């Protein structure tokens, strides 16, 4: 018995040292895929991803401790954590994501069974404050950036190809605040970003090429700015923020710009989050048939989560987009109900029912019902 206790104690001491030491090396990041979890814990998503603005590889703290012990229904023991370690050595770490989708939509003659994500992540620590990461998906999408944590107020400097920092950035890329703005969920751009994370406040600003193409075809630039503040009031957690994005050149002498606030609330087992964006000259508005050359539109997504038990949450969502607020027709809205379950620290299941109502520029309306299921393996 004493030998067993001693062995468990040595495991605990070793992993405590590893988490403290290596998370200091690999843990300078924010969670990207699940902002509702940051609201539940009342923390800035500062521990679970390498990129301070979210996305890409997870830190050791996020991949091992949070994903394996805090997130799932059945958490792993210390022995399992020791065996399944993403750290190759003291300066290199691997990660991976696989998402498989099944979707069955009304009035569509086929089912969509496809790979949504098949990515591998590599993180290299260049020094105590310098990190390089690469995330390559099965398609042409990729992200790679160097990050220097050298600025005051827990600040950083980032340069490379990454997702523009804007809004809530939820994991559901079909939400209108994602697919209705940048057009594609994997939109990334080359640029430079600075950010600060003093206590409960965070700020990030970036200058970007303004195109997802490998080469920039003009001399104009884009920018993104995001800020958020988090406040704990007894058992209530409140988060308020806002962001803006602008691009000088899209397909000609045309500027596009969007901005808006976002929020989050958590109390007990309930989490509510939402975002509202005002858009100007959004590319999607041209396809809607808006009569204006530079229409002003509105996009919003609202979501609510109810934690049933550890690792399992029911979710509800509402999305709305008005392509041109001065035009009486041309909009879409969607209602979503579903569930999300993490049985283990490497596995996620999602299932959703959706009802989408679309009104064309001519005033005709159509409804579509859809069911989708996802399996997500991650490391």
Protein backbone atom coordinates (compact mmCIF):
# COMPACT_ATOMS: atom_id res chain seq x y z
CA UNK A 1 0.00 0.00 0.00
CA UNK A 2 2.79 2.41 0.89
CA UNK A 3 4.49 1.62 -2.42
CA UNK A 4 1.27 2.33 -4.30
CA UNK A 5 0.74 5.61 -2.45
CA UNK A 6 4.33 6.55 -3.12
CA UNK A 7 3.95 5.75 -6.83
CA UNK A 8 0.77 7.87 -7.06
CA UNK A 9 2.50 10.64 -5.18
CA UNK A 10 5.43 10.62 -7.57
CA UNK A 11 2.98 10.79 -10.52
CA UNK A 12 1.21 13.76 -8.94
CA UNK A 13 4.40 15.63 -8.17
CA UNK A 14 5.83 14.97 -11.64
CA UNK A 15 2.67 16.10 -13.43
CA UNK A 16 2.32 19.16 -11.22
CA UNK A 17 5.86 20.15 -12.19
CA UNK A 18 5.20 19.40 -15.85
CA UNK A 19 2.00 21.46 -15.90
CA UNK A 20 3.60 24.40 -14.14
CA UNK A 21 6.79 24.33 -16.22
CA UNK A 22 5.49 23.41 -19.66
CA UNK A 23 2.27 25.41 -19.47
CA UNK A 24 4.50 28.40 -18.86
CA UNK A 25 6.18 27.49 -22.15
CA UNK A 26 3.20 26.27 -24.19
CA UNK A 27 0.28 27.82 -22.34
CA UNK A 28 0.25 31.41 -23.53
CA UNK A 29 -3.04 31.17 -25.43
CA UNK A 30 -6.78 31.56 -25.48
CA UNK A 31 -9.46 29.03 -26.24
CA UNK A 32 -11.12 29.56 -29.60
CA UNK A 33 -13.64 26.82 -30.27
CA UNK A 34 -15.72 26.97 -27.07
CA UNK A 35 -16.24 30.50 -25.71
CA UNK A 36 -19.21 29.27 -23.64
CA UNK A 37 -16.80 27.22 -21.49
CA UNK A 38 -14.76 30.32 -20.66
CA UNK A 39 -18.00 31.93 -19.47
CA UNK A 40 -18.81 28.92 -17.28
CA UNK A 41 -15.43 29.05 -15.57
CA UNK A 42 -15.36 32.83 -15.36
CA UNK A 43 -11.91 32.98 -16.88
CA UNK A 44 -10.34 34.60 -19.88
CA UNK A 45 -9.63 31.84 -22.41
CA UNK A 46 -5.95 32.32 -21.67
CA UNK A 47 -4.88 28.76 -21.01
CA UNK A 48 -6.07 26.43 -23.75
CA UNK A 49 -4.57 27.53 -27.10
CA UNK A 50 -1.12 28.62 -28.21
CA UNK A 51 -2.32 31.54 -30.35
CA UNK A 52 -3.33 34.39 -27.98
CA UNK A 53 -6.15 35.38 -30.35
CA UNK A 54 -7.52 31.83 -30.49
CA UNK A 55 -7.58 28.85 -32.83
CA UNK A 56 -4.96 26.37 -33.92
CA UNK A 57 -2.95 24.19 -31.52
CA UNK A 58 -3.84 23.77 -27.87
CA UNK A 59 -1.48 24.40 -25.03
CA UNK A 60 -0.45 21.51 -22.81
CA UNK A 61 -2.72 22.84 -20.07
CA UNK A 62 -5.68 22.89 -22.47
CA UNK A 63 -4.90 19.59 -24.17
CA UNK A 64 -4.14 17.60 -21.05
CA UNK A 65 -5.58 19.13 -17.90
CA UNK A 66 -8.74 20.93 -19.13
CA UNK A 67 -9.67 18.52 -21.94
CA UNK A 68 -8.90 15.36 -19.98
CA UNK A 69 -10.04 16.24 -16.46
CA UNK A 70 -12.38 19.27 -16.45
CA UNK A 71 -14.27 18.98 -19.76
CA UNK A 72 -15.48 15.35 -20.18
CA UNK A 73 -18.05 13.23 -18.41
CA UNK A 74 -15.46 10.57 -17.61
CA UNK A 75 -12.15 12.20 -16.77
CA UNK A 76 -8.76 10.50 -17.08
CA UNK A 77 -6.53 9.42 -14.26
CA UNK A 78 -3.03 10.74 -13.75
CA UNK A 79 -1.62 7.49 -15.20
CA UNK A 80 -3.52 8.07 -18.44
CA UNK A 81 -2.35 11.67 -18.62
CA UNK A 82 1.20 10.46 -18.27
CA UNK A 83 0.85 7.92 -21.11
CA UNK A 84 -0.93 10.22 -23.62
CA UNK A 85 1.29 13.26 -23.59
CA UNK A 86 1.38 15.58 -26.66
CA UNK A 87 4.79 16.94 -25.69
CA UNK A 88 7.57 15.46 -27.84
CA UNK A 89 10.33 17.15 -25.86
CA UNK A 90 10.89 20.33 -23.86
CA UNK A 91 10.48 22.57 -26.94
CA UNK A 92 8.07 20.76 -29.31
CA UNK A 93 4.43 19.61 -29.05
CA UNK A 94 1.90 17.99 -31.43
CA UNK A 95 -1.89 18.27 -31.70
CA UNK A 96 -4.67 17.19 -34.05
CA UNK A 97 -8.36 17.72 -34.90
CA UNK A 98 -10.79 15.56 -36.90
CA UNK A 99 -14.44 16.55 -37.46
CA UNK A 100 -16.82 14.33 -39.43
CA UNK A 101 -20.24 15.69 -40.42
CA UNK A 102 -23.51 14.07 -41.45
CA UNK A 103 -26.22 16.50 -42.62
CA UNK A 104 -29.68 15.74 -43.99
CA UNK A 105 -31.53 18.80 -45.33
CA UNK A 106 -35.07 19.10 -46.61
CA UNK A 107 -35.45 19.55 -50.39
CA UNK A 108 -31.81 18.49 -50.95
CA UNK A 109 -31.49 15.26 -53.02
CA UNK A 110 -28.40 14.00 -51.15
CA UNK A 111 -26.97 13.71 -47.64
CA UNK A 112 -23.76 15.53 -46.80
CA UNK A 113 -21.24 13.13 -45.28
CA UNK A 114 -17.91 14.88 -45.22
CA UNK A 115 -14.73 15.73 -43.37
CA UNK A 116 -15.18 19.20 -41.92
CA UNK A 117 -11.74 19.35 -40.36
CA UNK A 118 -8.64 17.21 -40.53
CA UNK A 119 -5.82 19.24 -39.05
CA UNK A 120 -2.44 18.60 -37.49
CA UNK A 121 -0.79 21.17 -35.22
CA UNK A 122 2.87 21.65 -34.40
CA UNK A 123 4.15 24.03 -31.73
CA UNK A 124 7.83 24.89 -31.36
CA UNK A 125 9.15 26.86 -28.42
CA UNK A 126 12.00 29.08 -29.62
CA UNK A 127 12.76 30.60 -26.24
CA UNK A 128 11.11 31.43 -22.90
CA UNK A 129 8.92 34.10 -24.56
CA UNK A 130 8.97 33.10 -28.24
CA UNK A 131 6.71 30.53 -29.92
CA UNK A 132 6.18 29.28 -33.48
CA UNK A 133 3.13 27.26 -34.47
CA UNK A 134 1.84 25.65 -37.67
CA UNK A 135 -1.72 24.33 -38.23
CA UNK A 136 -2.36 22.54 -41.52
CA UNK A 137 -5.81 21.26 -42.50
CA UNK A 138 -6.64 18.59 -45.07
CA UNK A 139 -7.79 21.32 -47.49
CA UNK A 140 -5.76 24.33 -48.57
CA UNK A 141 -6.35 26.15 -45.30
CA UNK A 142 -3.42 26.65 -42.94
CA UNK A 143 -2.23 28.96 -40.20
CA UNK A 144 1.31 29.67 -39.08
CA UNK A 145 2.65 32.45 -36.90
CA UNK A 146 5.44 33.50 -34.60
CA UNK A 147 4.45 34.93 -31.22
CA UNK A 148 6.62 37.01 -28.89
CA UNK A 149 5.30 37.58 -25.35
CA UNK A 150 7.42 40.66 -24.80
CA UNK A 151 4.93 43.52 -24.34
CA UNK A 152 3.74 44.91 -20.98
CA UNK A 153 0.37 43.98 -19.43
CA UNK A 154 0.78 40.32 -20.49
CA UNK A 155 1.07 41.58 -24.03
CA UNK A 156 2.30 39.86 -27.17
CA UNK A 157 3.35 40.52 -30.75
CA UNK A 158 2.27 38.08 -33.48
CA UNK A 159 3.21 37.89 -37.16
CA UNK A 160 2.20 35.34 -39.79
CA UNK A 161 -1.01 33.87 -41.24
CA UNK A 162 -3.93 33.61 -38.81
CA UNK A 163 -7.66 34.14 -38.37
CA UNK A 164 -8.59 37.82 -37.91
CA UNK A 165 -9.50 38.52 -34.29
CA UNK A 166 -13.18 39.45 -34.36
CA UNK A 167 -16.24 38.83 -32.17
CA UNK A 168 -17.07 35.67 -30.27
CA UNK A 169 -15.63 33.19 -32.80
CA UNK A 170 -17.72 30.16 -31.76
CA UNK A 171 -16.98 26.61 -32.88
CA UNK A 172 -20.16 26.46 -35.02
CA UNK A 173 -18.92 28.01 -38.26
CA UNK A 174 -22.44 27.99 -39.76
CA UNK A 175 -23.54 30.72 -37.34
CA UNK A 176 -24.23 33.91 -39.26
CA UNK A 177 -21.64 35.90 -37.32
CA UNK A 178 -19.06 33.62 -38.96
CA UNK A 179 -20.27 32.58 -42.40
CA UNK A 180 -22.11 35.87 -42.94
CA UNK A 181 -19.02 38.03 -42.43
CA UNK A 182 -15.82 36.53 -43.75
CA UNK A 183 -17.75 34.24 -46.10
CA UNK A 184 -15.80 31.06 -45.33
CA UNK A 185 -15.22 29.59 -41.85
CA UNK A 186 -11.52 28.99 -42.45
CA UNK A 187 -10.71 32.53 -43.63
CA UNK A 188 -7.15 33.42 -42.66
CA UNK A 189 -4.92 36.31 -43.64
CA UNK A 190 -1.29 37.43 -43.42
CA UNK A 191 -0.56 40.24 -41.02
CA UNK A 192 0.77 41.46 -37.71
CA UNK A 193 -1.14 41.64 -34.41
CA UNK A 194 -0.53 43.07 -30.95
CA UNK A 195 -2.54 42.21 -27.86
CA UNK A 196 -2.76 42.80 -24.12
CA UNK A 197 -4.40 40.78 -21.34
CA UNK A 198 -4.20 42.67 -18.03
CA UNK A 199 -6.38 40.88 -15.43
CA UNK A 200 -10.04 40.82 -16.61
CA UNK A 201 -9.53 42.95 -19.73
CA UNK A 202 -8.22 41.95 -23.15
CA UNK A 203 -7.41 43.88 -26.31
CA UNK A 204 -6.09 42.92 -29.74
CA UNK A 205 -5.48 44.84 -32.96
CA UNK A 206 -4.10 43.65 -36.30
CA UNK A 207 -3.12 44.96 -39.74
CA UNK A 208 -3.73 42.41 -42.51
CA UNK A 209 -3.37 41.98 -46.26
CA UNK A 210 -7.15 41.90 -46.71
CA UNK A 211 -7.21 38.72 -48.81
CA UNK A 212 -7.11 34.99 -48.12
CA UNK A 213 -5.19 34.39 -51.37
CA UNK A 214 -1.52 33.36 -51.16
CA UNK A 215 -0.46 36.72 -52.65
CA UNK A 216 -1.87 40.19 -52.11
CA UNK A 217 -3.13 41.63 -55.42
CA UNK A 218 -3.28 45.29 -54.31
CA UNK A 219 -1.66 47.83 -52.02
CA UNK A 220 -4.64 48.23 -49.69
CA UNK A 221 -4.81 46.71 -46.23
CA UNK A 222 -7.38 45.43 -43.74
CA UNK A 223 -7.54 45.88 -39.97
CA UNK A 224 -9.24 44.21 -37.01
CA UNK A 225 -9.76 45.45 -33.44
CA UNK A 226 -11.29 43.54 -30.54
CA UNK A 227 -11.68 44.26 -26.84
CA UNK A 228 -13.55 42.55 -24.00
CA UNK A 229 -13.99 42.94 -20.25
CA UNK A 230 -15.05 40.23 -17.82
CA UNK A 231 -16.65 40.82 -14.42
CA UNK A 232 -17.63 38.38 -11.65
CA UNK A 233 -20.54 39.56 -9.50
CA UNK A 234 -21.00 36.91 -6.81
CA UNK A 235 -22.42 33.90 -8.74
CA UNK A 236 -23.02 35.88 -11.94
CA UNK A 237 -20.31 36.13 -14.59
CA UNK A 238 -20.62 38.97 -17.12
CA UNK A 239 -18.56 39.59 -20.24
CA UNK A 240 -18.94 42.65 -22.49
CA UNK A 241 -16.95 43.45 -25.61
CA UNK A 242 -16.86 44.86 -29.09
CA UNK A 243 -14.92 44.50 -32.31
CA UNK A 244 -14.46 46.05 -35.75
CA UNK A 245 -13.05 44.96 -39.11
CA UNK A 246 -12.39 46.95 -42.27
CA UNK A 247 -10.98 46.17 -45.71
CA UNK A 248 -10.06 48.87 -48.21
CA UNK A 249 -10.22 46.74 -51.34
CA UNK A 250 -12.60 43.92 -52.27
CA UNK A 251 -12.82 43.08 -55.96
CA UNK A 252 -12.42 46.69 -57.11
CA UNK A 253 -12.69 50.19 -55.69
CA UNK A 254 -14.95 49.08 -52.88
CA UNK A 255 -14.54 49.25 -49.11
CA UNK A 256 -16.22 46.95 -46.62
CA UNK A 257 -16.55 47.50 -42.91
CA UNK A 258 -18.39 45.86 -40.03
CA UNK A 259 -18.50 46.38 -36.28
CA UNK A 260 -20.60 45.56 -33.24
CA UNK A 261 -20.85 44.48 -29.60
CA UNK A 262 -20.92 41.01 -28.07
CA UNK A 263 -21.73 39.75 -24.59
CA UNK A 264 -21.81 36.72 -22.33
CA UNK A 265 -23.68 35.80 -19.14
CA UNK A 266 -23.32 32.75 -16.91
CA UNK A 267 -25.26 31.79 -13.80
CA UNK A 268 -25.53 28.33 -12.30
CA UNK A 269 -25.97 25.87 -15.18
CA UNK A 270 -27.03 28.46 -17.78
CA UNK A 271 -24.80 30.33 -20.23
CA UNK A 272 -26.09 32.92 -22.71
CA UNK A 273 -23.94 34.61 -25.37
CA UNK A 274 -24.63 36.82 -28.35
CA UNK A 275 -23.20 39.16 -30.95
CA UNK A 276 -24.62 41.93 -33.13
CA UNK A 277 -22.79 43.26 -36.19
CA UNK A 278 -23.55 46.22 -38.43
CA UNK A 279 -22.13 45.73 -41.91
CA UNK A 280 -21.34 48.07 -44.79
CA UNK A 281 -20.81 46.81 -48.35
CA UNK A 282 -20.74 43.17 -47.22
CA UNK A 283 -20.00 40.88 -50.20
CA UNK A 284 -22.93 38.60 -49.38
CA UNK A 285 -25.30 41.56 -49.75
CA UNK A 286 -24.55 41.80 -53.45
CA UNK A 287 -25.76 38.24 -54.01
CA UNK A 288 -28.98 39.08 -52.18
CA UNK A 289 -29.96 41.54 -54.92
CA UNK A 290 -29.85 44.62 -52.72
CA UNK A 291 -30.42 47.75 -54.82
CA UNK A 292 -27.80 49.74 -52.93
CA UNK A 293 -24.19 49.91 -54.08
CA UNK A 294 -22.95 49.95 -50.48
CA UNK A 295 -25.82 48.57 -48.38
CA UNK A 296 -25.86 48.68 -44.59
CA UNK A 297 -26.83 45.33 -43.14
CA UNK A 298 -27.38 43.63 -39.78
CA UNK A 299 -26.16 40.24 -38.58
CA UNK A 300 -26.80 38.70 -35.17
CA UNK A 301 -26.33 35.33 -33.51
CA UNK A 302 -27.62 34.41 -30.06
CA UNK A 303 -26.93 31.15 -28.24
CA UNK A 304 -27.86 29.57 -24.92
CA UNK A 305 -26.45 26.51 -23.15
CA UNK A 306 -27.86 24.44 -20.30
CA UNK A 307 -25.44 22.07 -18.56
CA UNK A 308 -27.28 18.82 -17.82
CA UNK A 309 -24.33 17.02 -16.28
CA UNK A 310 -20.54 17.12 -16.54
CA UNK A 311 -19.59 17.17 -20.22
CA UNK A 312 -23.15 17.39 -21.58
CA UNK A 313 -25.03 20.57 -22.57
CA UNK A 314 -28.24 21.34 -24.38
CA UNK A 315 -27.99 24.29 -26.76
CA UNK A 316 -30.36 26.66 -28.51
CA UNK A 317 -29.55 29.33 -31.07
CA UNK A 318 -31.05 32.07 -33.19
CA UNK A 319 -29.39 33.67 -36.23
CA UNK A 320 -30.62 36.60 -38.30
CA UNK A 321 -29.21 38.51 -41.24
CA UNK A 322 -30.75 41.51 -42.98
CA UNK A 323 -28.69 42.20 -46.10
CA UNK A 324 -29.88 45.82 -46.38
CA UNK A 325 -31.76 47.51 -43.52
CA UNK A 326 -33.17 50.12 -45.94
CA UNK A 327 -34.73 47.44 -48.15
CA UNK A 328 -37.98 45.77 -47.04
CA UNK A 329 -37.02 42.32 -48.35
CA UNK A 330 -33.89 40.18 -48.43
CA UNK A 331 -33.17 38.43 -45.12
CA UNK A 332 -32.62 35.04 -43.55
CA UNK A 333 -33.14 33.65 -40.06
CA UNK A 334 -32.45 30.30 -38.44
CA UNK A 335 -33.55 28.50 -35.27
CA UNK A 336 -31.33 25.79 -33.79
CA UNK A 337 -31.83 23.24 -31.04
CA UNK A 338 -29.36 20.54 -30.15
CA UNK A 339 -26.97 18.89 -27.71
CA UNK A 340 -23.23 18.68 -27.17
CA UNK A 341 -21.51 15.86 -25.26
CA UNK A 342 -17.87 15.24 -24.33
CA UNK A 343 -17.79 11.67 -22.98
CA UNK A 344 -13.98 11.59 -22.96
CA UNK A 345 -11.24 14.19 -23.13
CA UNK A 346 -10.57 13.45 -26.79
CA UNK A 347 -14.12 12.94 -28.12
CA UNK A 348 -17.10 15.23 -28.78
CA UNK A 349 -20.56 14.46 -30.19
CA UNK A 350 -22.95 17.11 -31.51
CA UNK A 351 -26.49 16.84 -32.89
CA UNK A 352 -28.65 19.73 -34.08
CA UNK A 353 -32.06 20.39 -35.59
CA UNK A 354 -32.33 23.60 -37.61
CA UNK A 355 -35.12 25.56 -39.27
CA UNK A 356 -34.02 28.21 -41.77
CA UNK A 357 -36.37 30.85 -43.19
CA UNK A 358 -35.13 32.81 -46.21
CA UNK A 359 -36.69 35.82 -47.92
CA UNK A 360 -35.27 36.80 -51.31
CA UNK A 361 -34.90 40.34 -52.66
CA UNK A 362 -38.08 39.73 -54.68
CA UNK A 363 -40.04 39.01 -51.48
CA UNK A 364 -40.52 35.26 -51.92
CA UNK A 365 -39.98 33.08 -48.84
CA UNK A 366 -38.79 29.53 -48.32
CA UNK A 367 -38.29 27.23 -45.33
CA UNK A 368 -35.75 24.46 -44.91
CA UNK A 369 -35.38 21.90 -42.13
CA UNK A 370 -32.05 20.27 -41.48
CA UNK A 371 -30.53 17.71 -39.15
CA UNK A 372 -26.78 17.46 -38.60
CA UNK A 373 -24.55 15.28 -36.45
CA UNK A 374 -20.84 15.69 -35.82
CA UNK A 375 -18.08 13.57 -34.37
CA UNK A 376 -14.98 15.48 -33.21
CA UNK A 377 -11.72 13.77 -32.23
CA UNK A 378 -9.09 16.10 -30.82
CA UNK A 379 -5.70 16.01 -29.11
